[in-house]
Protein backbone atom coordinates (compact mmCIF):
# COMPACT_ATOMS: atom_id res chain seq x y z
CA UNK A 1 0.00 0.00 0.00
CA UNK A 2 1.23 3.49 -0.85
CA UNK A 3 1.78 5.48 2.35
CA UNK A 4 3.46 8.66 1.08
CA UNK A 5 4.20 10.53 -2.13
CA UNK A 6 7.42 12.40 -2.75
CA UNK A 7 5.85 14.73 -5.29
CA UNK A 8 2.55 16.53 -5.42
CA UNK A 9 2.26 15.80 -9.15
CA UNK A 10 2.41 12.04 -8.52
CA UNK A 11 -0.22 12.31 -5.80
CA UNK A 12 -2.43 14.27 -8.22
CA UNK A 13 -2.15 11.49 -10.81
CA UNK A 14 -2.99 8.86 -8.19
CA UNK A 15 -6.05 10.92 -7.18
CA UNK A 16 -7.10 11.06 -10.85
CA UNK A 17 -6.40 14.76 -11.15
CA UNK A 18 -4.60 16.14 -14.18
CA UNK A 19 -0.97 17.21 -13.92
CA UNK A 20 0.22 20.07 -16.11
CA UNK A 21 3.86 19.00 -15.75
CA UNK A 22 3.64 15.41 -16.95
CA UNK A 23 2.51 14.33 -20.47
CA UNK A 24 -1.03 12.94 -20.67
CA UNK A 25 0.05 9.54 -22.04
CA UNK A 26 2.60 9.17 -19.23
CA UNK A 27 -0.09 10.03 -16.68
CA UNK A 28 -2.42 7.37 -18.06
CA UNK A 29 0.21 4.63 -17.79
CA UNK A 30 1.49 5.95 -14.45
CA UNK A 31 -2.01 5.75 -12.96
CA UNK A 32 -2.24 2.09 -13.93
CA UNK A 33 1.16 1.38 -12.33
CA UNK A 34 0.33 3.41 -9.21
CA UNK A 35 -2.90 1.47 -8.70
CA UNK A 36 -0.94 -1.79 -8.98
CA UNK A 37 1.63 -0.51 -6.48
CA UNK A 38 -1.11 0.47 -4.05
CA UNK A 39 -2.52 -3.07 -4.15
CA UNK A 40 0.87 -4.74 -3.69
CA UNK A 41 1.75 -6.74 -0.60
CA UNK A 42 5.15 -8.06 -1.74
CA UNK A 43 8.07 -6.92 -3.86
CA UNK A 44 7.43 -7.94 -7.47
CA UNK A 45 9.94 -9.21 -10.02
CA UNK A 46 9.00 -6.42 -12.42
CA UNK A 47 10.33 -3.78 -10.01
CA UNK A 48 13.97 -2.89 -10.51
CA UNK A 49 16.01 -2.49 -7.31
CA UNK A 50 18.06 0.68 -7.15
CA UNK A 51 21.65 0.40 -5.88
CA UNK A 52 21.56 3.58 -3.77
CA UNK A 53 19.28 2.40 -0.95
CA UNK A 54 20.06 3.47 2.61
CA UNK A 55 20.30 0.95 5.45
CA UNK A 56 16.90 -0.68 5.95
CA UNK A 57 15.39 0.99 2.89
CA UNK A 58 14.93 -0.68 -0.48
CA UNK A 59 14.60 1.65 -3.45
CA UNK A 60 12.77 0.45 -6.56
CA UNK A 61 11.60 1.76 -9.90
CA UNK A 62 9.01 0.82 -12.49
CA UNK A 63 9.41 1.91 -16.11
CA UNK A 64 6.55 3.86 -17.65
CA UNK A 65 8.33 4.23 -20.99
CA UNK A 66 11.91 4.74 -22.15
CA UNK A 67 12.08 8.17 -20.51
CA UNK A 68 9.74 8.14 -17.49
CA UNK A 69 9.85 6.00 -14.32
CA UNK A 70 8.04 5.63 -11.02
CA UNK A 71 10.52 5.50 -8.13
CA UNK A 72 9.66 4.51 -4.57
CA UNK A 73 10.89 3.04 -1.30
CA UNK A 74 9.75 -0.34 0.01
CA UNK A 75 9.80 -0.69 3.82
CA UNK A 76 8.14 -3.40 5.86
CA UNK A 77 5.50 -4.13 3.25
CA UNK A 78 4.61 -0.47 2.69
CA UNK A 79 5.47 1.93 -0.15
CA UNK A 80 6.83 5.40 0.58
CA UNK A 81 8.08 8.47 -1.30
CA UNK A 82 6.47 7.54 -4.61
CA UNK A 83 7.40 9.83 -7.48
CA UNK A 84 6.97 9.92 -11.27
CA UNK A 85 10.31 11.09 -12.68
CA UNK A 86 11.59 12.17 -16.06
CA UNK A 87 14.83 10.21 -16.28
CA UNK A 88 16.46 7.91 -13.78
CA UNK A 89 15.81 7.73 -10.05
CA UNK A 90 18.51 9.18 -7.91
PDB file of N, CA and C in Angstrom:
ATOM      1  N   UNK A   1       0.837  -1.173   0.000  1.00  0.00           N
ATOM      2  CA  UNK A   1       0.000   0.000   0.000  1.00  0.00           C
ATOM      3  C   UNK A   1       0.887   1.243   0.000  1.00  0.00           C
ATOM      4  N   UNK A   2       0.503   2.230  -0.794  1.00  0.00           N
ATOM      5  CA  UNK A   2       1.229   3.494  -0.845  1.00  0.00           C
ATOM      6  C   UNK A   2       0.895   4.299   0.411  1.00  0.00           C
ATOM      7  N   UNK A   3       1.947   4.680   1.136  1.00  0.00           N
ATOM      8  CA  UNK A   3       1.783   5.479   2.353  1.00  0.00           C
ATOM      9  C   UNK A   3       2.065   6.957   2.114  1.00  0.00           C
ATOM     10  N   UNK A   4       3.115   7.255   1.313  1.00  0.00           N
ATOM     11  CA  UNK A   4       3.462   8.659   1.077  1.00  0.00           C
ATOM     12  C   UNK A   4       3.893   8.866  -0.370  1.00  0.00           C
ATOM     13  N   UNK A   5       3.743  10.112  -0.813  1.00  0.00           N
ATOM     14  CA  UNK A   5       4.199  10.527  -2.131  1.00  0.00           C
ATOM     15  C   UNK A   5       5.318  11.538  -1.951  1.00  0.00           C
ATOM     16  N   UNK A   6       6.317  11.453  -2.808  1.00  0.00           N
ATOM     17  CA  UNK A   6       7.422  12.397  -2.754  1.00  0.00           C
ATOM     18  C   UNK A   6       7.101  13.671  -3.531  1.00  0.00           C
ATOM     19  N   UNK A   7       6.214  13.552  -4.504  1.00  0.00           N
ATOM     20  CA  UNK A   7       5.851  14.733  -5.295  1.00  0.00           C
ATOM     21  C   UNK A   7       4.334  14.918  -5.327  1.00  0.00           C
ATOM     22  N   UNK A   8       3.963  16.177  -5.331  1.00  0.00           N
ATOM     23  CA  UNK A   8       2.545  16.534  -5.416  1.00  0.00           C
ATOM     24  C   UNK A   8       1.950  16.090  -6.754  1.00  0.00           C
ATOM     25  N   UNK A   9       2.747  16.183  -7.823  1.00  0.00           N
ATOM     26  CA  UNK A   9       2.259  15.795  -9.151  1.00  0.00           C
ATOM     27  C   UNK A   9       1.889  14.314  -9.188  1.00  0.00           C
ATOM     28  N   UNK A  10       2.698  13.474  -8.558  1.00  0.00           N
ATOM     29  CA  UNK A  10       2.408  12.037  -8.519  1.00  0.00           C
ATOM     30  C   UNK A  10       1.146  11.773  -7.717  1.00  0.00           C
ATOM     31  N   UNK A  11       0.991  12.468  -6.614  1.00  0.00           N
ATOM     32  CA  UNK A  11      -0.218  12.307  -5.804  1.00  0.00           C
ATOM     33  C   UNK A  11      -1.454  12.757  -6.582  1.00  0.00           C
ATOM     34  N   UNK A  12      -1.313  13.805  -7.383  1.00  0.00           N
ATOM     35  CA  UNK A  12      -2.429  14.265  -8.220  1.00  0.00           C
ATOM     36  C   UNK A  12      -2.837  13.177  -9.216  1.00  0.00           C
ATOM     37  N   UNK A  13      -1.854  12.568  -9.858  1.00  0.00           N
ATOM     38  CA  UNK A  13      -2.145  11.492 -10.815  1.00  0.00           C
ATOM     39  C   UNK A  13      -2.874  10.357 -10.112  1.00  0.00           C
ATOM     40  N   UNK A  14      -2.372   9.948  -8.948  1.00  0.00           N
ATOM     41  CA  UNK A  14      -2.989   8.856  -8.192  1.00  0.00           C
ATOM     42  C   UNK A  14      -4.432   9.189  -7.817  1.00  0.00           C
ATOM     43  N   UNK A  15      -4.695  10.472  -7.551  1.00  0.00           N
ATOM     44  CA  UNK A  15      -6.045  10.924  -7.184  1.00  0.00           C
ATOM     45  C   UNK A  15      -6.921  11.219  -8.401  1.00  0.00           C
ATOM     46  N   UNK A  16      -6.396  10.868  -9.589  1.00  0.00           N
ATOM     47  CA  UNK A  16      -7.101  11.064 -10.854  1.00  0.00           C
ATOM     48  C   UNK A  16      -7.344  12.533 -11.189  1.00  0.00           C
ATOM     49  N   UNK A  17      -6.382  13.358 -10.779  1.00  0.00           N
ATOM     50  CA  UNK A  17      -6.400  14.764 -11.150  1.00  0.00           C
ATOM     51  C   UNK A  17      -5.332  14.956 -12.216  1.00  0.00           C
ATOM     52  N   UNK A  18      -5.532  15.907 -13.082  1.00  0.00           N
ATOM     53  CA  UNK A  18      -4.597  16.139 -14.185  1.00  0.00           C
ATOM     54  C   UNK A  18      -3.373  16.908 -13.703  1.00  0.00           C
ATOM     55  N   UNK A  19      -2.219  16.496 -14.177  1.00  0.00           N
ATOM     56  CA  UNK A  19      -0.973  17.210 -13.918  1.00  0.00           C
ATOM     57  C   UNK A  19      -0.599  17.999 -15.162  1.00  0.00           C
ATOM     58  N   UNK A  20      -0.213  19.250 -14.984  1.00  0.00           N
ATOM     59  CA  UNK A  20       0.218  20.072 -16.114  1.00  0.00           C
ATOM     60  C   UNK A  20       1.684  19.844 -16.453  1.00  0.00           C
ATOM     61  N   UNK A  21       2.411  19.174 -15.578  1.00  0.00           N
ATOM     62  CA  UNK A  21       3.857  19.000 -15.746  1.00  0.00           C
ATOM     63  C   UNK A  21       4.267  17.666 -16.360  1.00  0.00           C
ATOM     64  N   UNK A  22       3.336  16.746 -16.454  1.00  0.00           N
ATOM     65  CA  UNK A  22       3.642  15.408 -16.955  1.00  0.00           C
ATOM     66  C   UNK A  22       2.744  15.127 -18.156  1.00  0.00           C
ATOM     67  N   UNK A  23       3.316  14.603 -19.268  1.00  0.00           N
ATOM     68  CA  UNK A  23       2.507  14.329 -20.467  1.00  0.00           C
ATOM     69  C   UNK A  23       1.306  13.415 -20.173  1.00  0.00           C
ATOM     70  N   UNK A  24       0.227  13.680 -20.876  1.00  0.00           N
ATOM     71  CA  UNK A  24      -1.034  12.943 -20.669  1.00  0.00           C
ATOM     72  C   UNK A  24      -0.862  11.426 -20.800  1.00  0.00           C
ATOM     73  N   UNK A  25      -0.159  10.977 -21.836  1.00  0.00           N
ATOM     74  CA  UNK A  25       0.049   9.535 -22.037  1.00  0.00           C
ATOM     75  C   UNK A  25       0.836   8.927 -20.875  1.00  0.00           C
ATOM     76  N   UNK A  26       1.818   9.641 -20.375  1.00  0.00           N
ATOM     77  CA  UNK A  26       2.601   9.170 -19.228  1.00  0.00           C
ATOM     78  C   UNK A  26       1.698   9.075 -17.999  1.00  0.00           C
ATOM     79  N   UNK A  27       0.837  10.050 -17.817  1.00  0.00           N
ATOM     80  CA  UNK A  27      -0.091  10.030 -16.682  1.00  0.00           C
ATOM     81  C   UNK A  27      -1.019   8.816 -16.726  1.00  0.00           C
ATOM     82  N   UNK A  28      -1.497   8.508 -17.912  1.00  0.00           N
ATOM     83  CA  UNK A  28      -2.420   7.369 -18.059  1.00  0.00           C
ATOM     84  C   UNK A  28      -1.744   6.068 -17.644  1.00  0.00           C
ATOM     85  N   UNK A  29      -0.526   5.853 -18.122  1.00  0.00           N
ATOM     86  CA  UNK A  29       0.212   4.632 -17.790  1.00  0.00           C
ATOM     87  C   UNK A  29       0.635   4.660 -16.334  1.00  0.00           C
ATOM     88  N   UNK A  30       1.068   5.821 -15.850  1.00  0.00           N
ATOM     89  CA  UNK A  30       1.488   5.947 -14.448  1.00  0.00           C
ATOM     90  C   UNK A  30       0.342   5.607 -13.507  1.00  0.00           C
ATOM     91  N   UNK A  31      -0.862   6.057 -13.822  1.00  0.00           N
ATOM     92  CA  UNK A  31      -2.008   5.747 -12.965  1.00  0.00           C
ATOM     93  C   UNK A  31      -2.200   4.240 -12.843  1.00  0.00           C
ATOM     94  N   UNK A  32      -2.100   3.546 -13.950  1.00  0.00           N
ATOM     95  CA  UNK A  32      -2.243   2.086 -13.925  1.00  0.00           C
ATOM     96  C   UNK A  32      -1.172   1.458 -13.026  1.00  0.00           C
ATOM     97  N   UNK A  33       0.082   1.906 -13.166  1.00  0.00           N
ATOM     98  CA  UNK A  33       1.164   1.375 -12.329  1.00  0.00           C
ATOM     99  C   UNK A  33       0.976   1.754 -10.861  1.00  0.00           C
ATOM    100  N   UNK A  34       0.539   2.974 -10.597  1.00  0.00           N
ATOM    101  CA  UNK A  34       0.328   3.415  -9.213  1.00  0.00           C
ATOM    102  C   UNK A  34      -0.774   2.613  -8.539  1.00  0.00           C
ATOM    103  N   UNK A  35      -1.824   2.291  -9.267  1.00  0.00           N
ATOM    104  CA  UNK A  35      -2.903   1.474  -8.702  1.00  0.00           C
ATOM    105  C   UNK A  35      -2.401   0.072  -8.376  1.00  0.00           C
ATOM    106  N   UNK A  36      -1.544  -0.479  -9.247  1.00  0.00           N
ATOM    107  CA  UNK A  36      -0.944  -1.788  -8.979  1.00  0.00           C
ATOM    108  C   UNK A  36      -0.051  -1.718  -7.750  1.00  0.00           C
ATOM    109  N   UNK A  37       0.772  -0.679  -7.657  1.00  0.00           N
ATOM    110  CA  UNK A  37       1.629  -0.510  -6.476  1.00  0.00           C
ATOM    111  C   UNK A  37       0.798  -0.456  -5.203  1.00  0.00           C
ATOM    112  N   UNK A  38      -0.277   0.307  -5.233  1.00  0.00           N
ATOM    113  CA  UNK A  38      -1.108   0.471  -4.046  1.00  0.00           C
ATOM    114  C   UNK A  38      -1.716  -0.844  -3.573  1.00  0.00           C
ATOM    115  N   UNK A  39      -1.934  -1.767  -4.483  1.00  0.00           N
ATOM    116  CA  UNK A  39      -2.524  -3.067  -4.152  1.00  0.00           C
ATOM    117  C   UNK A  39      -1.473  -4.103  -3.735  1.00  0.00           C
ATOM    118  N   UNK A  40      -0.206  -3.776  -3.896  1.00  0.00           N
ATOM    119  CA  UNK A  40       0.870  -4.743  -3.691  1.00  0.00           C
ATOM    120  C   UNK A  40       1.102  -5.043  -2.214  1.00  0.00           C
ATOM    121  N   UNK A  41       1.416  -6.311  -1.959  1.00  0.00           N
ATOM    122  CA  UNK A  41       1.749  -6.737  -0.599  1.00  0.00           C
ATOM    123  C   UNK A  41       3.138  -7.357  -0.530  1.00  0.00           C
ATOM    124  N   UNK A  42       3.793  -7.494  -1.679  1.00  0.00           N
ATOM    125  CA  UNK A  42       5.146  -8.058  -1.739  1.00  0.00           C
ATOM    126  C   UNK A  42       5.908  -7.406  -2.882  1.00  0.00           C
ATOM    127  N   UNK A  43       7.221  -7.445  -2.785  1.00  0.00           N
ATOM    128  CA  UNK A  43       8.067  -6.924  -3.857  1.00  0.00           C
ATOM    129  C   UNK A  43       7.883  -7.807  -5.081  1.00  0.00           C
ATOM    130  N   UNK A  44       7.666  -7.186  -6.242  1.00  0.00           N
ATOM    131  CA  UNK A  44       7.427  -7.941  -7.468  1.00  0.00           C
ATOM    132  C   UNK A  44       8.683  -8.000  -8.326  1.00  0.00           C
ATOM    133  N   UNK A  45       8.787  -9.044  -9.126  1.00  0.00           N
ATOM    134  CA  UNK A  45       9.938  -9.214 -10.017  1.00  0.00           C
ATOM    135  C   UNK A  45      10.061  -8.094 -11.043  1.00  0.00           C
ATOM    136  N   UNK A  46       8.963  -7.454 -11.400  1.00  0.00           N
ATOM    137  CA  UNK A  46       9.002  -6.417 -12.423  1.00  0.00           C
ATOM    138  C   UNK A  46       9.557  -5.094 -11.892  1.00  0.00           C
ATOM    139  N   UNK A  47       9.757  -4.993 -10.589  1.00  0.00           N
ATOM    140  CA  UNK A  47      10.328  -3.780 -10.006  1.00  0.00           C
ATOM    141  C   UNK A  47      11.831  -3.908 -10.016  1.00  0.00           C
ATOM    142  N   UNK A  48      12.516  -2.874 -10.451  1.00  0.00           N
ATOM    143  CA  UNK A  48      13.970  -2.888 -10.514  1.00  0.00           C
ATOM    144  C   UNK A  48      14.559  -2.297  -9.240  1.00  0.00           C
ATOM    145  N   UNK A  49      15.382  -3.065  -8.509  1.00  0.00           N
ATOM    146  CA  UNK A  49      16.007  -2.493  -7.306  1.00  0.00           C
ATOM    147  C   UNK A  49      17.039  -1.443  -7.695  1.00  0.00           C
ATOM    148  N   UNK A  50      17.107  -0.404  -6.915  1.00  0.00           N
ATOM    149  CA  UNK A  50      18.058   0.679  -7.153  1.00  0.00           C
ATOM    150  C   UNK A  50      19.246   0.493  -6.209  1.00  0.00           C
ATOM    151  N   UNK A  51      20.465   0.681  -6.678  1.00  0.00           N
ATOM    152  CA  UNK A  51      21.654   0.404  -5.876  1.00  0.00           C
ATOM    153  C   UNK A  51      21.933   1.416  -4.775  1.00  0.00           C
ATOM    154  N   UNK A  52      21.225   2.536  -4.736  1.00  0.00           N
ATOM    155  CA  UNK A  52      21.555   3.578  -3.775  1.00  0.00           C
ATOM    156  C   UNK A  52      20.660   3.600  -2.541  1.00  0.00           C
ATOM    157  N   UNK A  53      20.144   2.466  -2.117  1.00  0.00           N
ATOM    158  CA  UNK A  53      19.284   2.402  -0.945  1.00  0.00           C
ATOM    159  C   UNK A  53      20.058   2.592   0.341  1.00  0.00           C
ATOM    160  N   UNK A  54      19.448   3.289   1.301  1.00  0.00           N
ATOM    161  CA  UNK A  54      20.057   3.465   2.612  1.00  0.00           C
ATOM    162  C   UNK A  54      19.803   2.208   3.448  1.00  0.00           C
ATOM    163  N   UNK A  55      20.465   2.118   4.573  1.00  0.00           N
ATOM    164  CA  UNK A  55      20.304   0.954   5.453  1.00  0.00           C
ATOM    165  C   UNK A  55      18.826   0.797   5.827  1.00  0.00           C
ATOM    166  N   UNK A  56      18.279  -0.389   5.618  1.00  0.00           N
ATOM    167  CA  UNK A  56      16.902  -0.683   5.954  1.00  0.00           C
ATOM    168  C   UNK A  56      15.874  -0.189   4.959  1.00  0.00           C
ATOM    169  N   UNK A  57      16.307   0.459   3.899  1.00  0.00           N
ATOM    170  CA  UNK A  57      15.386   0.990   2.887  1.00  0.00           C
ATOM    171  C   UNK A  57      15.732   0.378   1.540  1.00  0.00           C
ATOM    172  N   UNK A  58      14.737  -0.136   0.861  1.00  0.00           N
ATOM    173  CA  UNK A  58      14.934  -0.682  -0.476  1.00  0.00           C
ATOM    174  C   UNK A  58      14.291   0.261  -1.483  1.00  0.00           C
ATOM    175  N   UNK A  59      15.096   0.752  -2.409  1.00  0.00           N
ATOM    176  CA  UNK A  59      14.598   1.647  -3.446  1.00  0.00           C
ATOM    177  C   UNK A  59      14.310   0.854  -4.713  1.00  0.00           C
ATOM    178  N   UNK A  60      13.187   1.156  -5.356  1.00  0.00           N
ATOM    179  CA  UNK A  60      12.775   0.447  -6.558  1.00  0.00           C
ATOM    180  C   UNK A  60      12.275   1.436  -7.599  1.00  0.00           C
ATOM    181  N   UNK A  61      12.207   0.957  -8.834  1.00  0.00           N
ATOM    182  CA  UNK A  61      11.604   1.756  -9.897  1.00  0.00           C
ATOM    183  C   UNK A  61      10.821   0.858 -10.843  1.00  0.00           C
ATOM    184  N   UNK A  62       9.839   1.473 -11.483  1.00  0.00           N
ATOM    185  CA  UNK A  62       9.014   0.816 -12.490  1.00  0.00           C
ATOM    186  C   UNK A  62       9.050   1.706 -13.726  1.00  0.00           C
ATOM    187  N   UNK A  63       9.365   1.132 -14.875  1.00  0.00           N
ATOM    188  CA  UNK A  63       9.413   1.908 -16.113  1.00  0.00           C
ATOM    189  C   UNK A  63       8.000   2.213 -16.603  1.00  0.00           C
ATOM    190  N   UNK A  64       7.795   3.461 -16.993  1.00  0.00           N
ATOM    191  CA  UNK A  64       6.555   3.865 -17.648  1.00  0.00           C
ATOM    192  C   UNK A  64       6.770   3.779 -19.158  1.00  0.00           C
ATOM    193  N   UNK A  65       7.895   4.327 -19.602  1.00  0.00           N
ATOM    194  CA  UNK A  65       8.332   4.226 -20.991  1.00  0.00           C
ATOM    195  C   UNK A  65       9.854   4.370 -20.974  1.00  0.00           C
ATOM    196  N   UNK A  66      10.450   4.641 -22.107  1.00  0.00           N
ATOM    197  CA  UNK A  66      11.912   4.737 -22.153  1.00  0.00           C
ATOM    198  C   UNK A  66      12.446   5.933 -21.381  1.00  0.00           C
ATOM    199  N   UNK A  67      11.631   6.942 -21.159  1.00  0.00           N
ATOM    200  CA  UNK A  67      12.076   8.170 -20.507  1.00  0.00           C
ATOM    201  C   UNK A  67      11.595   8.292 -19.065  1.00  0.00           C
ATOM    202  N   UNK A  68      10.374   7.902 -18.783  1.00  0.00           N
ATOM    203  CA  UNK A  68       9.737   8.145 -17.492  1.00  0.00           C
ATOM    204  C   UNK A  68       9.731   6.890 -16.621  1.00  0.00           C
ATOM    205  N   UNK A  69       9.852   7.102 -15.292  1.00  0.00           N
ATOM    206  CA  UNK A  69       9.849   6.004 -14.323  1.00  0.00           C
ATOM    207  C   UNK A  69       9.039   6.407 -13.091  1.00  0.00           C
ATOM    208  N   UNK A  70       8.597   5.411 -12.351  1.00  0.00           N
ATOM    209  CA  UNK A  70       8.043   5.628 -11.023  1.00  0.00           C
ATOM    210  C   UNK A  70       9.075   5.082 -10.047  1.00  0.00           C
ATOM    211  N   UNK A  71       9.528   5.920  -9.127  1.00  0.00           N
ATOM    212  CA  UNK A  71      10.515   5.502  -8.134  1.00  0.00           C
ATOM    213  C   UNK A  71       9.854   5.522  -6.758  1.00  0.00           C
ATOM    214  N   UNK A  72      10.278   4.597  -5.894  1.00  0.00           N
ATOM    215  CA  UNK A  72       9.660   4.510  -4.570  1.00  0.00           C
ATOM    216  C   UNK A  72      10.541   3.710  -3.621  1.00  0.00           C
ATOM    217  N   UNK A  73      10.229   3.821  -2.340  1.00  0.00           N
ATOM    218  CA  UNK A  73      10.891   3.043  -1.296  1.00  0.00           C
ATOM    219  C   UNK A  73       9.947   1.945  -0.824  1.00  0.00           C
ATOM    220  N   UNK A  74      10.512   0.779  -0.536  1.00  0.00           N
ATOM    221  CA  UNK A  74       9.749  -0.342   0.011  1.00  0.00           C
ATOM    222  C   UNK A  74      10.279  -0.605   1.417  1.00  0.00           C
ATOM    223  N   UNK A  75       9.420  -0.454   2.422  1.00  0.00           N
ATOM    224  CA  UNK A  75       9.800  -0.694   3.815  1.00  0.00           C
ATOM    225  C   UNK A  75       8.700  -1.464   4.524  1.00  0.00           C
ATOM    226  N   UNK A  76       9.055  -2.606   5.038  1.00  0.00           N
ATOM    227  CA  UNK A  76       8.136  -3.397   5.864  1.00  0.00           C
ATOM    228  C   UNK A  76       6.763  -3.559   5.223  1.00  0.00           C
ATOM    229  N   UNK A  77       6.753  -3.860   3.945  1.00  0.00           N
ATOM    230  CA  UNK A  77       5.504  -4.128   3.249  1.00  0.00           C
ATOM    231  C   UNK A  77       4.696  -2.897   2.869  1.00  0.00           C
ATOM    232  N   UNK A  78       5.290  -1.714   3.023  1.00  0.00           N
ATOM    233  CA  UNK A  78       4.612  -0.471   2.687  1.00  0.00           C
ATOM    234  C   UNK A  78       5.444   0.295   1.666  1.00  0.00           C
ATOM    235  N   UNK A  79       4.795   1.170   0.918  1.00  0.00           N
ATOM    236  CA  UNK A  79       5.465   1.926  -0.146  1.00  0.00           C
ATOM    237  C   UNK A  79       5.454   3.408   0.227  1.00  0.00           C
ATOM    238  N   UNK A  80       6.649   4.018   0.172  1.00  0.00           N
ATOM    239  CA  UNK A  80       6.831   5.404   0.581  1.00  0.00           C
ATOM    240  C   UNK A  80       7.529   6.213  -0.513  1.00  0.00           C
ATOM    241  N   UNK A  81       7.361   7.524  -0.440  1.00  0.00           N
ATOM    242  CA  UNK A  81       8.079   8.470  -1.305  1.00  0.00           C
ATOM    243  C   UNK A  81       7.956   8.133  -2.788  1.00  0.00           C
ATOM    244  N   UNK A  82       6.746   7.886  -3.227  1.00  0.00           N
ATOM    245  CA  UNK A  82       6.468   7.542  -4.613  1.00  0.00           C
ATOM    246  C   UNK A  82       6.541   8.808  -5.470  1.00  0.00           C
ATOM    247  N   UNK A  83       7.236   8.676  -6.622  1.00  0.00           N
ATOM    248  CA  UNK A  83       7.404   9.831  -7.483  1.00  0.00           C
ATOM    249  C   UNK A  83       7.527   9.411  -8.947  1.00  0.00           C
ATOM    250  N   UNK A  84       6.811  10.093  -9.829  1.00  0.00           N
ATOM    251  CA  UNK A  84       6.975   9.915 -11.274  1.00  0.00           C
ATOM    252  C   UNK A  84       8.089  10.859 -11.689  1.00  0.00           C
ATOM    253  N   UNK A  85       9.139  10.300 -12.313  1.00  0.00           N
ATOM    254  CA  UNK A  85      10.307  11.093 -12.683  1.00  0.00           C
ATOM    255  C   UNK A  85      10.613  10.998 -14.170  1.00  0.00           C
ATOM    256  N   UNK A  86      11.080  12.101 -14.693  1.00  0.00           N
ATOM    257  CA  UNK A  86      11.590  12.167 -16.061  1.00  0.00           C
ATOM    258  C   UNK A  86      13.081  11.838 -15.985  1.00  0.00           C
ATOM    259  N   UNK A  87      13.437  10.647 -16.393  1.00  0.00           N
ATOM    260  CA  UNK A  87      14.833  10.214 -16.279  1.00  0.00           C
ATOM    261  C   UNK A  87      14.972   9.145 -15.227  1.00  0.00           C
ATOM    262  N   UNK A  88      16.171   8.973 -14.734  1.00  0.00           N
ATOM    263  CA  UNK A  88      16.461   7.911 -13.777  1.00  0.00           C
ATOM    264  C   UNK A  88      16.258   8.377 -12.348  1.00  0.00           C
ATOM    265  N   UNK A  89      15.942   7.440 -11.472  1.00  0.00           N
ATOM    266  CA  UNK A  89      15.807   7.733 -10.050  1.00  0.00           C
ATOM    267  C   UNK A  89      17.188   8.056  -9.489  1.00  0.00           C
ATOM    268  N   UNK A  90      17.226   8.871  -8.502  1.00  0.00           N
ATOM    269  CA  UNK A  90      18.512   9.178  -7.907  1.00  0.00           C
ATOM    270  C   UNK A  90      18.430  10.086  -6.728  1.00  0.00           C
TER     271      UNK A  90
END
